[in-house]
Protein backbone atom coordinates (compact mmCIF):
# COMPACT_ATOMS: atom_id res chain seq x y z
CA MET A 1 57.17 113.17 111.44
CA GLN A 2 54.60 111.03 109.60
CA ALA A 3 56.75 111.20 106.45
CA LEU A 4 59.79 109.95 108.40
CA ASP A 5 57.76 107.15 109.94
CA SER A 6 56.54 106.13 106.54
CA GLN A 7 60.07 106.05 105.13
CA LEU A 8 61.30 103.90 108.01
CA ASN A 9 58.39 101.48 107.72
CA ASN A 10 59.01 101.20 103.98
CA LYS A 11 62.67 100.44 104.65
CA LEU A 12 61.80 97.77 107.21
CA PHE A 13 59.46 96.17 104.70
CA ASP A 14 62.20 96.11 102.06
CA LEU A 15 64.74 94.63 104.48
CA LEU A 16 62.52 91.82 105.63
CA THR A 17 61.01 90.69 102.32
CA PHE A 18 64.05 89.69 100.26
CA ASP A 19 63.60 86.68 98.00
CA ARG A 20 65.17 83.48 99.29
CA ASP A 21 68.17 81.94 97.59
CA VAL A 22 67.79 78.19 98.02
CA THR A 23 71.43 77.62 97.02
CA LYS A 24 72.51 79.16 100.31
CA PRO A 25 73.21 77.00 103.42
CA ASP A 26 70.28 75.90 105.58
CA PHE A 27 71.93 77.16 108.77
CA ILE A 28 73.74 80.38 109.64
CA THR A 29 77.44 79.67 110.30
CA PRO A 30 80.38 81.97 111.07
CA GLU A 31 81.45 81.81 107.41
CA LEU A 32 78.44 83.97 106.51
CA TYR A 33 80.23 86.90 108.12
CA GLY A 34 83.47 86.55 106.21
CA PRO A 35 86.76 84.64 106.40
CA SER A 36 88.57 83.69 109.60
CA PRO A 37 90.14 86.75 111.24
CA ASN A 38 93.75 87.79 110.92
CA VAL A 39 95.81 86.69 113.92
CA SER A 40 98.94 88.20 115.49
CA ASP A 41 100.27 85.94 118.24
CA ASN A 42 102.94 86.12 120.97
CA LEU A 43 102.86 89.91 121.24
CA PRO A 44 104.68 91.23 124.35
CA PHE A 45 103.94 94.02 126.78
CA VAL A 46 106.83 94.77 129.16
CA GLY A 47 106.21 96.48 132.49
CA THR A 48 108.17 97.04 135.69
CA TYR A 49 107.39 95.63 139.12
CA ALA A 50 108.33 99.01 140.57
CA GLN A 51 105.42 100.69 138.77
CA LEU A 52 103.03 97.80 139.36
CA LEU A 53 103.67 97.61 143.11
CA ASN A 54 104.73 101.21 143.79
CA GLN A 55 107.98 99.81 145.17
CA PRO A 56 111.18 101.33 143.70
CA GLY A 57 113.65 98.65 142.65
CA ALA A 58 111.20 95.76 143.14
CA ALA A 59 112.53 92.56 141.56
CA PHE A 60 111.50 88.91 141.59
CA ILE A 61 112.64 85.51 140.37
CA ASP A 62 111.04 84.88 137.02
CA ALA A 63 110.07 81.24 136.57
CA ASP A 64 109.44 81.85 132.89
CA THR A 65 113.05 82.81 132.11
CA GLN A 66 114.20 79.23 132.47
CA ARG A 67 111.68 76.41 132.70
CA LYS A 68 113.11 73.87 135.11
CA SER A 69 112.29 70.22 135.70
CA ALA A 70 112.27 68.52 139.10
CA THR A 71 116.04 68.01 138.97
CA ASN A 72 116.83 71.74 138.79
CA GLU A 73 117.09 74.26 141.59
CA LEU A 74 114.92 77.35 141.42
CA ASP A 75 117.62 79.51 143.02
CA LEU A 76 119.62 79.28 139.77
CA LEU A 77 117.15 81.70 138.25
CA THR A 78 117.92 85.39 138.18
CA LEU A 79 116.04 88.33 139.64
CA SER A 80 114.21 90.59 137.20
CA GLN A 81 112.80 94.07 137.63
CA ARG A 82 110.59 93.63 134.58
CA TYR A 83 107.65 91.43 133.75
CA THR A 84 106.20 90.51 130.36
CA LEU A 85 102.58 89.87 129.46
CA TYR A 86 101.89 88.05 126.19
CA TYR A 87 98.77 88.52 124.14
CA THR A 88 97.14 87.64 120.83
CA VAL A 89 95.14 89.94 118.55
CA PHE A 90 92.32 88.79 116.25
CA GLU A 91 90.86 91.29 113.82
CA PRO A 92 88.52 91.16 110.82
CA VAL A 93 89.97 90.69 107.35
CA GLY A 94 89.76 93.89 105.32
CA LEU A 95 89.12 96.04 108.36
CA ARG A 96 87.62 99.40 107.41
CA LYS A 97 86.79 102.67 109.10
CA PRO A 98 85.29 103.42 111.53
CA GLU A 99 87.07 101.25 114.05
CA PRO A 100 84.97 98.39 115.44
CA PRO A 101 84.67 98.00 119.21
CA LEU A 102 87.42 96.17 121.09
CA VAL A 103 87.12 93.36 123.64
CA ILE A 104 89.95 92.19 125.92
CA LEU A 105 89.59 88.63 127.25
CA LEU A 106 91.35 86.88 130.15
CA PRO A 107 91.45 83.08 130.67
CA GLY A 108 90.79 80.85 133.66
CA VAL A 109 92.87 78.33 135.61
CA PRO A 110 94.61 76.04 134.79
CA ALA A 111 94.27 77.17 131.18
CA ASP A 112 95.94 80.01 129.28
CA ARG A 113 94.82 82.47 126.62
CA TYR A 114 94.32 79.65 124.10
CA GLU A 115 91.18 78.77 126.05
CA TRP A 116 89.54 81.77 124.33
CA PHE A 117 90.72 80.97 120.78
CA PRO A 118 87.53 79.10 119.68
CA VAL A 119 85.52 82.20 120.63
CA ALA A 120 88.04 84.67 119.19
CA ARG A 121 88.07 82.90 115.80
CA ILE A 122 84.36 83.71 115.49
CA LEU A 123 84.15 87.03 117.33
CA GLY A 124 87.19 88.31 115.41
CA ARG A 125 85.04 88.44 112.28
CA PHE A 126 83.04 91.28 113.85
CA MET A 127 85.45 93.22 116.05
CA ARG A 128 89.01 93.35 117.34
CA VAL A 129 89.69 90.76 120.04
CA VAL A 130 92.71 90.84 122.36
CA VAL A 131 93.33 87.68 124.41
CA LEU A 132 95.75 88.17 127.29
CA ASP A 133 97.79 85.90 129.55
CA TYR A 134 97.71 88.00 132.70
CA LEU A 135 100.53 87.99 135.25
CA GLY A 136 101.52 84.50 136.40
CA MET A 137 99.48 82.76 133.69
CA GLY A 138 100.34 80.98 130.47
CA GLN A 139 103.26 82.43 128.60
CA SER A 140 103.48 85.59 130.72
CA SER A 141 105.95 86.21 133.55
CA GLN A 142 105.57 84.03 136.62
CA PRO A 143 107.19 85.84 139.55
CA LEU A 144 108.13 83.67 142.52
CA GLY A 145 108.07 84.92 146.10
CA PHE A 146 105.39 87.45 145.14
CA GLY A 147 103.67 86.77 148.47
CA LYS A 148 101.01 89.25 149.55
CA ASN A 149 101.25 90.96 146.17
CA TRP A 150 99.12 88.15 144.73
CA ARG A 151 95.91 90.09 145.14
CA TRP A 152 93.12 90.72 142.69
CA ALA A 153 93.85 94.44 143.00
CA THR A 154 97.42 93.85 141.76
CA GLN A 155 96.16 91.88 138.77
CA ALA A 156 93.63 94.62 138.06
CA LYS A 157 96.39 97.23 138.05
CA ALA A 158 98.49 95.09 135.70
CA LEU A 159 95.48 94.93 133.37
CA HIS A 160 95.02 98.70 133.67
CA LEU A 161 98.67 99.29 132.68
CA PHE A 162 98.25 96.89 129.76
CA VAL A 163 95.15 98.75 128.52
CA HIS A 164 97.07 102.02 128.70
CA HIS A 165 99.84 100.40 126.66
CA LEU A 166 97.35 99.45 123.94
CA MET A 167 95.73 102.88 124.06
CA ASN A 168 98.85 105.03 124.13
CA THR A 169 101.52 102.94 122.40
CA VAL A 170 99.98 100.26 120.16
CA ASN A 171 97.08 102.13 118.55
CA PRO A 172 94.78 104.72 120.19
CA HIS A 173 92.27 104.27 117.35
CA TRP A 174 91.41 100.82 118.70
CA PHE A 175 89.44 102.56 121.46
CA GLU A 176 87.49 105.02 119.29
CA THR A 177 84.25 103.05 119.56
CA GLY A 178 84.89 101.89 123.12
CA TYR A 179 85.99 98.61 124.63
CA PHE A 180 84.74 95.73 126.79
CA VAL A 181 86.73 93.60 129.23
CA GLY A 182 85.85 89.96 129.85
CA GLY A 183 87.25 87.02 131.76
CA SER A 184 86.43 83.44 132.62
CA ASP A 185 87.02 81.72 135.96
CA TRP A 186 90.03 83.46 137.63
CA GLY A 187 90.13 85.93 134.76
CA GLY A 188 86.63 86.96 135.80
CA GLY A 189 87.98 87.80 139.26
CA VAL A 190 90.53 90.17 137.70
CA VAL A 191 87.81 91.80 135.58
CA GLN A 192 85.52 92.38 138.58
CA LYS A 193 88.30 94.18 140.46
CA TYR A 194 89.30 96.13 137.35
CA GLY A 195 85.73 97.39 136.98
CA GLU A 196 85.73 98.57 140.60
CA LEU A 197 89.12 100.30 140.66
CA TYR A 198 89.54 101.76 137.17
CA HIS A 199 86.15 102.51 135.61
CA ASP A 200 86.49 106.21 136.43
CA HIS A 201 89.92 106.34 134.75
CA MET A 202 88.59 104.79 131.54
CA LYS A 203 85.34 106.71 131.05
CA PRO A 204 83.82 106.99 128.49
CA ASN A 205 85.84 104.27 126.72
CA LEU A 206 84.91 101.33 128.98
CA MET A 207 81.52 100.13 127.78
CA GLY A 208 80.96 97.06 129.93
CA LEU A 209 82.20 93.92 131.65
CA TRP A 210 81.74 90.32 130.56
CA LEU A 211 81.99 87.62 133.24
CA VAL A 212 82.09 84.00 132.07
CA ASN A 213 81.62 81.44 134.87
CA PRO A 214 83.75 83.77 137.02
CA ILE A 215 85.33 83.02 140.34
CA ALA A 216 82.97 85.07 142.43
CA LEU A 217 81.50 85.82 145.81
CA ASN A 218 82.24 83.07 148.34
CA GLY A 219 82.66 80.39 145.67
CA TYR A 220 82.93 76.67 146.26
CA TRP A 221 85.86 74.60 147.50
CA THR A 222 87.85 72.80 144.80
CA PRO A 223 90.14 70.13 146.34
CA GLN A 224 92.53 70.02 143.37
CA ILE A 225 93.18 73.76 143.63
CA GLY A 226 93.41 73.65 147.40
CA ALA A 227 96.01 70.88 147.21
CA LEU A 228 98.32 73.21 145.29
CA THR A 229 99.34 74.94 148.49
CA ALA A 230 101.68 72.00 149.15
CA PHE A 231 103.75 73.06 146.15
CA THR A 232 104.54 76.59 147.25
CA ARG A 233 107.91 75.18 148.37
CA PRO A 234 108.54 71.94 146.44
CA GLU A 235 111.35 69.74 147.83
CA LEU A 236 113.22 69.34 144.57
CA ASP A 237 115.78 66.91 146.01
CA ASN A 238 113.07 64.55 147.27
CA PRO A 239 113.46 61.23 145.38
CA GLY A 240 109.72 60.70 145.60
CA LEU A 241 108.99 63.93 143.75
CA PRO A 242 108.55 62.34 140.29
CA VAL A 243 105.84 60.13 141.75
CA GLN A 244 104.19 63.18 143.29
CA ALA A 245 104.44 64.88 139.91
CA GLU A 246 102.57 62.06 138.22
CA ALA A 247 99.90 62.23 140.91
CA LEU A 248 99.65 65.98 140.39
CA VAL A 249 99.21 65.52 136.63
CA GLY A 250 96.36 63.14 137.37
CA ASN A 251 94.88 65.64 139.82
CA MET A 252 94.99 68.46 137.29
CA THR A 253 93.52 66.26 134.56
CA THR A 254 90.68 65.28 136.88
CA LEU A 255 90.12 68.97 137.58
CA LEU A 256 89.91 69.71 133.87
CA GLU A 257 87.59 66.79 133.19
CA GLY A 258 85.11 68.40 135.56
CA MET A 259 85.30 71.74 133.75
CA PHE A 260 83.68 70.60 130.51
CA HIS A 261 80.23 69.26 129.73
CA ARG A 262 80.19 65.69 128.48
CA THR A 263 83.97 65.65 128.58
CA SER A 264 84.29 62.06 127.37
CA GLU A 265 82.58 62.98 124.09
CA LYS A 266 85.12 65.72 123.37
CA HIS A 267 88.34 64.88 125.18
CA ASN A 268 90.66 62.18 126.39
CA LYS A 269 93.67 62.66 128.66
CA HIS A 270 95.89 63.46 125.67
CA SER A 271 93.61 66.14 124.24
CA LEU A 272 93.35 67.72 127.70
CA ALA A 273 97.13 68.03 127.85
CA TRP A 274 97.20 71.30 125.86
CA LEU A 275 95.42 73.08 128.71
CA GLN A 276 98.20 72.02 131.08
CA GLY A 277 101.07 73.09 128.86
CA THR A 278 102.00 75.91 131.23
CA TYR A 279 102.79 73.42 134.00
CA PHE A 280 103.75 70.11 132.37
CA ASN A 281 105.61 69.01 129.26
CA HIS A 282 103.83 65.83 128.25
CA ARG A 283 106.13 65.37 125.28
CA ALA A 284 109.30 64.88 127.34
CA TYR A 285 109.94 61.27 126.34
CA ASN A 286 113.62 61.67 125.50
CA ASP A 287 115.25 60.07 128.53
CA VAL A 288 113.06 57.82 130.64
CA THR A 289 115.98 57.00 132.93
CA LYS A 290 115.94 60.60 134.16
CA ASN A 291 112.23 61.03 133.88
CA PRO A 292 110.56 57.65 134.43
CA GLY A 293 107.08 59.15 134.42
CA ASN A 294 107.63 60.74 130.97
CA THR A 295 106.34 64.01 132.38
CA GLU A 296 108.55 67.05 132.78
CA VAL A 297 107.19 69.39 135.42
CA TYR A 298 107.69 73.13 135.13
CA TRP A 299 108.14 73.59 138.85
CA GLY A 300 108.55 77.35 138.67
CA ALA A 301 105.20 77.78 136.91
CA LEU A 302 103.49 75.33 139.25
CA ARG A 303 104.93 77.03 142.32
CA CYS A 304 103.77 80.39 140.98
CA LEU A 305 100.21 79.06 140.60
CA ALA A 306 100.37 77.57 144.11
CA GLU A 307 101.48 80.90 145.58
CA GLN A 308 98.62 82.69 143.84
CA ALA A 309 96.08 80.15 145.06
CA SER A 310 97.40 80.40 148.62
CA GLU A 311 97.05 84.18 148.72
CA ALA A 312 94.23 85.20 146.36
CA LEU A 313 91.66 82.52 147.10
CA GLY A 314 89.68 83.14 150.23
CA ASN A 315 91.09 86.58 151.03
CA GLY A 316 87.68 88.21 150.73
CA GLU A 317 88.57 90.59 147.89
CA LEU A 318 85.75 89.33 145.67
CA LEU A 319 83.15 89.35 148.43
CA PRO A 320 81.15 92.57 148.93
CA TYR A 321 82.88 95.29 150.91
CA HIS A 322 81.98 95.69 154.61
CA ASP A 323 83.30 98.47 156.87
CA GLU A 324 84.27 96.08 159.66
CA ASP A 325 83.97 92.49 158.46
CA ASN A 326 85.54 92.83 155.01
CA PRO A 327 87.29 96.19 154.50
CA GLY A 328 89.28 94.78 151.56
CA GLY A 329 86.16 93.60 149.75
CA LEU A 330 84.78 94.60 146.37
CA LYS A 331 82.73 97.80 146.25
CA PHE A 332 80.11 96.78 143.71
CA THR A 333 78.52 100.20 144.17
CA ARG A 334 81.38 101.64 142.09
CA TRP A 335 80.18 99.72 139.04
CA ASP A 336 78.35 102.02 136.65
CA PHE A 337 78.26 100.22 133.30
CA PRO A 338 76.48 97.26 131.70
CA VAL A 339 77.54 93.80 132.91
CA LEU A 340 76.98 90.53 131.06
CA VAL A 341 77.20 87.30 133.05
CA THR A 342 77.22 84.09 131.01
CA TRP A 343 77.27 80.75 132.79
CA GLY A 344 77.39 77.16 131.62
CA ALA A 345 74.13 75.50 132.61
CA ASN A 346 76.05 72.30 133.41
CA ASP A 347 78.87 73.86 135.45
CA LYS A 348 80.08 71.24 137.96
CA MET A 349 82.46 73.67 139.68
CA MET A 350 80.01 76.43 140.63
CA PRO A 351 76.24 76.36 139.97
CA ASP A 352 74.84 78.86 137.51
CA ASN A 353 72.77 80.35 140.32
CA GLN A 354 75.93 82.37 141.09
CA GLY A 355 75.27 84.36 137.91
CA TRP A 356 71.70 85.05 139.01
CA ARG A 357 73.06 86.45 142.28
CA PHE A 358 75.07 89.01 140.29
CA THR A 359 72.22 90.30 138.18
CA GLU A 360 69.20 89.78 140.43
CA ILE A 361 70.66 90.59 143.84
CA ILE A 362 73.79 92.74 143.57
CA ILE A 363 73.01 94.74 140.45
CA ARG A 364 69.23 94.95 140.97
CA LEU A 365 69.61 96.25 144.54
CA ILE A 366 72.17 98.87 143.48
CA ARG A 367 69.89 100.03 140.66
CA MET A 368 66.94 100.17 143.06
CA ASP A 369 68.91 102.24 145.55
CA ARG A 370 70.05 104.69 142.89
CA ALA A 371 66.50 105.07 141.60
CA LEU A 372 65.15 105.76 145.11
CA MET A 373 67.92 108.31 145.74
CA GLY A 374 67.41 109.97 142.36
CA GLN A 375 71.00 109.22 141.33
CA PRO A 376 72.10 108.73 137.71
CA ASN A 377 72.69 105.11 136.76
CA LYS A 378 74.32 103.25 133.88
CA LEU A 379 74.62 99.92 135.69
CA GLU A 380 72.55 97.13 134.20
CA GLY A 381 72.80 93.36 134.48
CA HIS A 382 72.29 90.73 131.79
CA PHE A 383 72.37 87.02 132.60
CA ASP A 384 72.56 84.29 129.94
CA ARG A 385 72.75 80.56 130.67
CA ILE A 386 74.73 78.68 128.04
CA ALA A 387 73.06 75.33 127.36
CA ASN A 388 75.12 72.13 127.16
CA ALA A 389 78.18 73.86 128.61
CA GLY A 390 80.28 73.35 131.72
CA HIS A 391 82.65 75.62 133.66
CA PHE A 392 84.65 76.47 130.52
CA SER A 393 81.45 77.36 128.71
CA ASN A 394 83.34 79.56 126.25
CA TYR A 395 85.29 76.51 125.08
CA ASP A 396 82.34 74.09 125.24
CA GLN A 397 79.96 76.27 123.23
CA PRO A 398 81.86 79.04 121.40
CA GLU A 399 78.99 79.86 119.01
CA ALA A 400 76.45 80.27 121.83
CA THR A 401 78.99 82.30 123.84
CA VAL A 402 79.60 84.68 120.93
CA ASP A 403 75.87 84.94 120.32
CA ALA A 404 75.25 85.95 123.95
CA PHE A 405 77.98 88.61 123.87
CA LEU A 406 77.00 90.17 120.53
CA LYS A 407 73.35 90.36 121.55
CA PHE A 408 74.47 92.06 124.78
CA LEU A 409 76.64 94.50 122.81
CA THR A 410 73.80 95.46 120.47
CA LYS A 411 71.48 96.08 123.44
CA VAL A 412 73.83 98.34 125.39
CA SER A 413 75.38 100.42 122.59
CA VAL A 414 73.80 101.47 119.30
CA ARG A 415 77.10 102.94 118.17
CA ALA A 416 79.12 99.80 118.95
CA ALA A 417 76.57 97.65 117.14
CA ALA A 418 76.69 99.91 114.08
CA ALA A 419 80.51 99.86 114.09
CA LEU A 420 80.82 96.06 113.98
CA HIS A 421 82.75 94.94 110.92
CA ARG A 422 79.64 93.02 109.84
CA PRO A 423 76.14 93.45 111.25
CA TYR A 424 75.09 90.60 113.50
CA ILE A 425 71.92 88.65 112.69
CA GLY A 426 72.52 85.40 114.56
CA LEU A 427 74.58 82.22 114.67
CA ASP A 428 73.88 78.50 114.46
CA THR A 429 70.20 79.05 113.66
CA ILE A 430 68.02 78.10 110.70
CA ALA A 431 68.71 80.41 107.77
CA ARG A 432 65.97 82.10 105.79
CA GLN A 433 68.49 82.14 102.93
CA ASP A 434 68.29 85.88 102.34
CA GLU A 435 71.00 86.70 104.89
CA THR A 436 73.68 87.80 102.41
CA ARG A 437 71.52 90.55 100.92
CA LEU A 438 70.26 91.54 104.37
CA LEU A 439 73.82 91.96 105.67
CA ASP A 440 74.78 94.08 102.66
CA GLU A 441 71.83 96.42 103.19
CA LEU A 442 72.45 96.67 106.93
CA ASP A 443 76.09 97.51 106.20
CA LYS A 444 74.95 100.48 104.11
CA ILE A 445 72.56 101.67 106.82
CA ASN A 446 75.21 101.41 109.55
CA THR A 447 77.79 103.27 107.45
CA LEU A 448 75.30 106.07 106.82
CA ALA A 449 74.30 106.26 110.49
CA LEU A 450 77.89 106.46 111.69
CA SER A 451 78.75 109.17 109.17
CA ARG A 452 75.98 111.38 110.63
CA ARG A 453 77.19 111.16 114.24
């Protein structure tokens, strides 16, 4: 034993006493870990409403089959028994065996999967990243008249079917080292429900959840989202509708302005337009006589969002379960895996104290109960405030967001940390200027460790 200790101490000494190379950069940047990841975009997964809802022959109007402006009738659209979810894959250049861990990320509202791209461009240097537009969001199918089906449990099942598609059809090797599921804002609501309903199905592959400023618990009222309920049945023949559309664009832009930290330093109303591309075409300047506001509204997509907001928000699904008062609530006691909660310290939508409630009330009490009852436990909570970040903290501070997740990953799984495409030693910090040699040596150690498992 003493001989082994001596060898390990000698190795640690060697690793941490490399000579500096003053020609190297003064700060650690993503480029230290290799080139930007390979990207495969607009990948489809096709499912059936019958399987999703357990309703044979279920079919709905798909708003995404024909994007209509305010002058078009929604009843011209056709019923479809199938839905399509679109996703993007980022993976390291020169990917080698063994497979790195996988993370699946879901966006918030009113954004789409491109909200996660700044993070994925960095995180994709270390591991495979799948960014998904879940049902009703972004490029994916937007079923109208979905009604009571707009529940977090339905979205969680759609995510479960998508994961099975990746595992059984796309490439089962992606899951060899395990996977994480993360979501921001509304996407975080889907992830919470997924962790409750499907963790037993995915053991031992599911390694943890990542919640980024998630919609959670009782939340806080957002007038711009609440006002959407008026558009569940837009009066398309109303001559005043274009004016309402312009007001709605302003409403949505105001909503977005409140989602970033120091928005005026990073955005103007034009740069915010990309986040609204699912609902408005700001480049429709062709015929101002037909469209005096120069804004084409995708009424089907907007109506779909309004229907979701009307049903899913405030239905109690994300509040803790109660036998009598909230029988449809979330059974946090079913969680049995590590959970990372990251929250923008300057979130104007929901205070970061919500994240503390996850880790220091919900998770701590469950862990305490399991310890007192002598029950096995894998649940653990990690909370990280992201400085200088708002509600879309992943977009405001992608480097700090990646740093928080990779540190979480290395704490909860030695194997996942060793299987990263490159070892992680930090981001956006002062460099000692020996990092290149350190990474090379750590690569050798990780390869050797994995080969012995």
